Amino acid sequence: MRGLAAMIICASVVLPMTAFAQMSDADYCNALSKLYRETVSSSATPDATVPEAMSKCATSPAGSIPVLEKALKDNKVTLPKRT
């Protein structure tokens, strides 16, 4: 019984913390891409680096994120929280 009580207590402490875990780089990159498509792409002609960065979110998110963040900031779009 003590073991079960200890597991319940541990679970109640650890599970809420997992909700605050940051999303992966690829997920954040995809979120930036989606936001760009929804807010910017219809009103502006992107330079070639933006579509390229969007296409590389799965394979090279670390290189794509700065490009997408800059493109969004340049168009005065608030970046999403990385949660």
N, C-alpha and C. Protein backbone atom coordinates (compact mmCIF):
# COMPACT_ATOMS: atom_id res chain seq x y z
N MET A 1 0.81 -1.19 0.00
CA MET A 1 0.00 0.00 0.00
C MET A 1 0.85 1.26 0.00
N ARG A 2 1.96 1.21 0.72
CA ARG A 2 2.85 2.37 0.75
C ARG A 2 3.42 2.68 -0.62
N GLY A 3 3.76 1.61 -1.33
CA GLY A 3 4.31 1.79 -2.68
C GLY A 3 3.32 2.46 -3.61
N LEU A 4 2.07 2.03 -3.52
CA LEU A 4 1.03 2.63 -4.35
C LEU A 4 0.82 4.09 -4.00
N ALA A 5 0.82 4.39 -2.72
CA ALA A 5 0.66 5.79 -2.28
C ALA A 5 1.82 6.64 -2.77
N ALA A 6 3.02 6.11 -2.72
CA ALA A 6 4.20 6.84 -3.18
C ALA A 6 4.12 7.09 -4.68
N MET A 7 3.65 6.09 -5.44
CA MET A 7 3.54 6.27 -6.90
C MET A 7 2.48 7.31 -7.24
N ILE A 8 1.39 7.33 -6.50
CA ILE A 8 0.34 8.32 -6.75
C ILE A 8 0.85 9.72 -6.46
N ILE A 9 1.59 9.86 -5.38
CA ILE A 9 2.15 11.17 -5.03
C ILE A 9 3.14 11.62 -6.09
N CYS A 10 4.02 10.73 -6.50
CA CYS A 10 5.01 11.08 -7.53
C CYS A 10 4.32 11.46 -8.84
N ALA A 11 3.31 10.70 -9.22
CA ALA A 11 2.60 10.99 -10.46
C ALA A 11 1.91 12.35 -10.39
N SER A 12 1.36 12.68 -9.24
CA SER A 12 0.67 13.96 -9.12
C SER A 12 1.63 15.14 -9.18
N VAL A 13 2.89 14.91 -8.88
CA VAL A 13 3.90 15.97 -8.96
C VAL A 13 4.50 16.05 -10.35
N VAL A 14 4.78 14.91 -10.96
CA VAL A 14 5.49 14.87 -12.24
C VAL A 14 4.57 15.18 -13.43
N LEU A 15 3.37 14.66 -13.45
CA LEU A 15 2.49 14.84 -14.61
C LEU A 15 2.20 16.30 -14.95
N PRO A 16 1.91 17.16 -13.98
CA PRO A 16 1.69 18.57 -14.37
C PRO A 16 2.92 19.22 -14.98
N MET A 17 4.09 18.77 -14.59
CA MET A 17 5.33 19.35 -15.14
C MET A 17 5.50 19.02 -16.61
N THR A 18 5.00 17.87 -17.03
CA THR A 18 5.16 17.50 -18.44
C THR A 18 4.35 18.41 -19.35
N ALA A 19 3.31 19.02 -18.83
CA ALA A 19 2.50 19.94 -19.63
C ALA A 19 3.28 21.20 -19.97
N PHE A 20 4.31 21.52 -19.19
CA PHE A 20 5.09 22.71 -19.42
C PHE A 20 6.33 22.44 -20.27
N ALA A 21 6.49 21.23 -20.74
CA ALA A 21 7.65 20.89 -21.56
C ALA A 21 7.60 21.68 -22.86
N GLN A 22 8.76 22.08 -23.32
CA GLN A 22 8.81 22.84 -24.57
C GLN A 22 8.59 21.91 -25.75
N MET A 23 8.02 22.47 -26.81
CA MET A 23 7.84 21.69 -28.02
C MET A 23 9.19 21.49 -28.69
N SER A 24 9.27 20.50 -29.52
CA SER A 24 10.51 20.22 -30.23
C SER A 24 10.79 21.33 -31.24
N ASP A 25 12.03 21.39 -31.70
CA ASP A 25 12.40 22.38 -32.71
C ASP A 25 11.54 22.22 -33.98
N ALA A 26 11.33 20.98 -34.39
CA ALA A 26 10.54 20.73 -35.60
C ALA A 26 9.10 21.20 -35.42
N ASP A 27 8.53 20.95 -34.25
CA ASP A 27 7.15 21.40 -33.99
C ASP A 27 7.06 22.92 -33.98
N TYR A 28 8.04 23.58 -33.36
CA TYR A 28 8.05 25.04 -33.32
C TYR A 28 8.23 25.60 -34.73
N CYS A 29 9.11 25.00 -35.49
CA CYS A 29 9.34 25.43 -36.87
C CYS A 29 8.05 25.30 -37.69
N ASN A 30 7.36 24.19 -37.51
CA ASN A 30 6.09 23.99 -38.22
C ASN A 30 5.04 25.02 -37.78
N ALA A 31 5.04 25.36 -36.49
CA ALA A 31 4.11 26.38 -35.99
C ALA A 31 4.42 27.74 -36.62
N LEU A 32 5.71 28.06 -36.75
CA LEU A 32 6.10 29.31 -37.40
C LEU A 32 5.69 29.31 -38.87
N SER A 33 5.88 28.19 -39.53
CA SER A 33 5.50 28.08 -40.94
C SER A 33 4.01 28.28 -41.12
N LYS A 34 3.24 27.65 -40.27
CA LYS A 34 1.78 27.78 -40.34
C LYS A 34 1.36 29.23 -40.11
N LEU A 35 1.96 29.87 -39.11
CA LEU A 35 1.65 31.26 -38.82
C LEU A 35 2.01 32.15 -40.01
N TYR A 36 3.14 31.89 -40.62
CA TYR A 36 3.56 32.68 -41.79
C TYR A 36 2.55 32.52 -42.93
N ARG A 37 2.16 31.28 -43.20
CA ARG A 37 1.18 31.04 -44.27
C ARG A 37 -0.14 31.74 -43.99
N GLU A 38 -0.56 31.74 -42.72
CA GLU A 38 -1.85 32.32 -42.36
C GLU A 38 -1.84 33.85 -42.33
N THR A 39 -0.69 34.45 -42.01
CA THR A 39 -0.69 35.90 -41.79
C THR A 39 0.09 36.70 -42.83
N VAL A 40 1.07 36.11 -43.44
CA VAL A 40 1.96 36.90 -44.29
C VAL A 40 1.90 36.51 -45.76
N SER A 41 1.90 35.24 -46.05
CA SER A 41 2.13 34.79 -47.42
C SER A 41 1.15 35.36 -48.44
N SER A 42 -0.07 35.64 -48.05
CA SER A 42 -1.02 36.18 -49.02
C SER A 42 -0.79 37.66 -49.30
N SER A 43 -0.08 38.33 -48.40
CA SER A 43 0.09 39.78 -48.56
C SER A 43 1.50 40.18 -49.00
N ALA A 44 2.39 39.23 -49.11
CA ALA A 44 3.77 39.59 -49.45
C ALA A 44 4.40 38.52 -50.33
N THR A 45 5.38 38.92 -51.08
CA THR A 45 6.17 37.98 -51.86
C THR A 45 7.43 37.68 -51.06
N PRO A 46 7.57 36.46 -50.55
CA PRO A 46 8.74 36.16 -49.73
C PRO A 46 10.00 36.02 -50.57
N ASP A 47 11.13 36.29 -49.93
CA ASP A 47 12.36 35.98 -50.65
C ASP A 47 12.52 34.47 -50.62
N ALA A 48 13.43 33.97 -51.38
CA ALA A 48 13.58 32.52 -51.56
C ALA A 48 13.92 31.77 -50.27
N THR A 49 14.44 32.47 -49.27
CA THR A 49 14.85 31.77 -48.05
C THR A 49 13.66 31.29 -47.23
N VAL A 50 12.52 31.97 -47.31
CA VAL A 50 11.36 31.59 -46.49
C VAL A 50 10.77 30.25 -46.94
N PRO A 51 10.40 30.07 -48.20
CA PRO A 51 9.87 28.76 -48.60
C PRO A 51 10.88 27.63 -48.38
N GLU A 52 12.15 27.93 -48.59
CA GLU A 52 13.18 26.93 -48.36
C GLU A 52 13.23 26.54 -46.89
N ALA A 53 13.18 27.53 -46.01
CA ALA A 53 13.19 27.25 -44.56
C ALA A 53 11.96 26.45 -44.17
N MET A 54 10.81 26.79 -44.73
CA MET A 54 9.58 26.07 -44.42
C MET A 54 9.70 24.60 -44.83
N SER A 55 10.33 24.36 -45.96
CA SER A 55 10.45 22.99 -46.45
C SER A 55 11.46 22.17 -45.66
N LYS A 56 12.31 22.83 -44.90
CA LYS A 56 13.35 22.13 -44.14
C LYS A 56 13.05 21.99 -42.65
N CYS A 57 11.82 22.30 -42.24
CA CYS A 57 11.49 22.20 -40.82
C CYS A 57 11.72 20.80 -40.26
N ALA A 58 11.43 19.78 -41.04
CA ALA A 58 11.59 18.41 -40.55
C ALA A 58 13.04 17.98 -40.49
N THR A 59 13.85 18.46 -41.43
CA THR A 59 15.24 17.99 -41.51
C THR A 59 16.26 18.93 -40.89
N SER A 60 15.95 20.23 -40.88
CA SER A 60 16.90 21.21 -40.36
C SER A 60 16.18 22.35 -39.63
N PRO A 61 15.46 22.01 -38.57
CA PRO A 61 14.69 23.07 -37.90
C PRO A 61 15.57 24.15 -37.28
N ALA A 62 16.74 23.78 -36.79
CA ALA A 62 17.62 24.77 -36.15
C ALA A 62 18.04 25.85 -37.14
N GLY A 63 18.21 25.52 -38.38
CA GLY A 63 18.57 26.50 -39.39
C GLY A 63 17.37 27.25 -39.94
N SER A 64 16.20 26.63 -39.87
CA SER A 64 14.99 27.23 -40.42
C SER A 64 14.32 28.21 -39.47
N ILE A 65 14.38 27.93 -38.19
CA ILE A 65 13.69 28.77 -37.20
C ILE A 65 14.11 30.23 -37.27
N PRO A 66 15.40 30.57 -37.28
CA PRO A 66 15.77 31.98 -37.34
C PRO A 66 15.26 32.69 -38.60
N VAL A 67 15.24 31.99 -39.71
CA VAL A 67 14.75 32.58 -40.97
C VAL A 67 13.27 32.91 -40.85
N LEU A 68 12.50 31.96 -40.32
CA LEU A 68 11.06 32.17 -40.19
C LEU A 68 10.74 33.22 -39.14
N GLU A 69 11.47 33.20 -38.02
CA GLU A 69 11.25 34.22 -36.99
C GLU A 69 11.51 35.61 -37.55
N LYS A 70 12.59 35.77 -38.31
CA LYS A 70 12.92 37.07 -38.90
C LYS A 70 11.85 37.52 -39.88
N ALA A 71 11.40 36.59 -40.72
CA ALA A 71 10.37 36.93 -41.71
C ALA A 71 9.08 37.37 -41.01
N LEU A 72 8.71 36.70 -39.94
CA LEU A 72 7.51 37.08 -39.20
C LEU A 72 7.69 38.43 -38.52
N LYS A 73 8.83 38.62 -37.87
CA LYS A 73 9.09 39.90 -37.19
C LYS A 73 9.13 41.05 -38.19
N ASP A 74 9.73 40.82 -39.34
CA ASP A 74 9.80 41.86 -40.37
C ASP A 74 8.40 42.29 -40.84
N ASN A 75 7.46 41.36 -40.75
CA ASN A 75 6.07 41.65 -41.13
C ASN A 75 5.21 41.99 -39.93
N LYS A 76 5.88 42.30 -38.81
CA LYS A 76 5.22 42.75 -37.58
C LYS A 76 4.20 41.74 -37.04
N VAL A 77 4.55 40.46 -37.14
CA VAL A 77 3.72 39.39 -36.60
C VAL A 77 4.33 38.94 -35.28
N THR A 78 3.50 38.82 -34.27
CA THR A 78 3.95 38.37 -32.96
C THR A 78 4.25 36.87 -33.03
N LEU A 79 5.42 36.50 -32.55
CA LEU A 79 5.82 35.09 -32.58
C LEU A 79 5.04 34.29 -31.54
N PRO A 80 4.75 33.04 -31.85
CA PRO A 80 4.03 32.20 -30.89
C PRO A 80 4.94 31.84 -29.72
N LYS A 81 4.31 31.56 -28.60
CA LYS A 81 5.08 31.07 -27.45
C LYS A 81 5.54 29.66 -27.74
N ARG A 82 6.70 29.37 -27.24
CA ARG A 82 7.26 28.05 -27.50
C ARG A 82 6.97 27.14 -26.31
N THR A 83 5.79 26.58 -26.29
CA THR A 83 5.39 25.71 -25.18
C THR A 83 5.02 24.35 -25.66
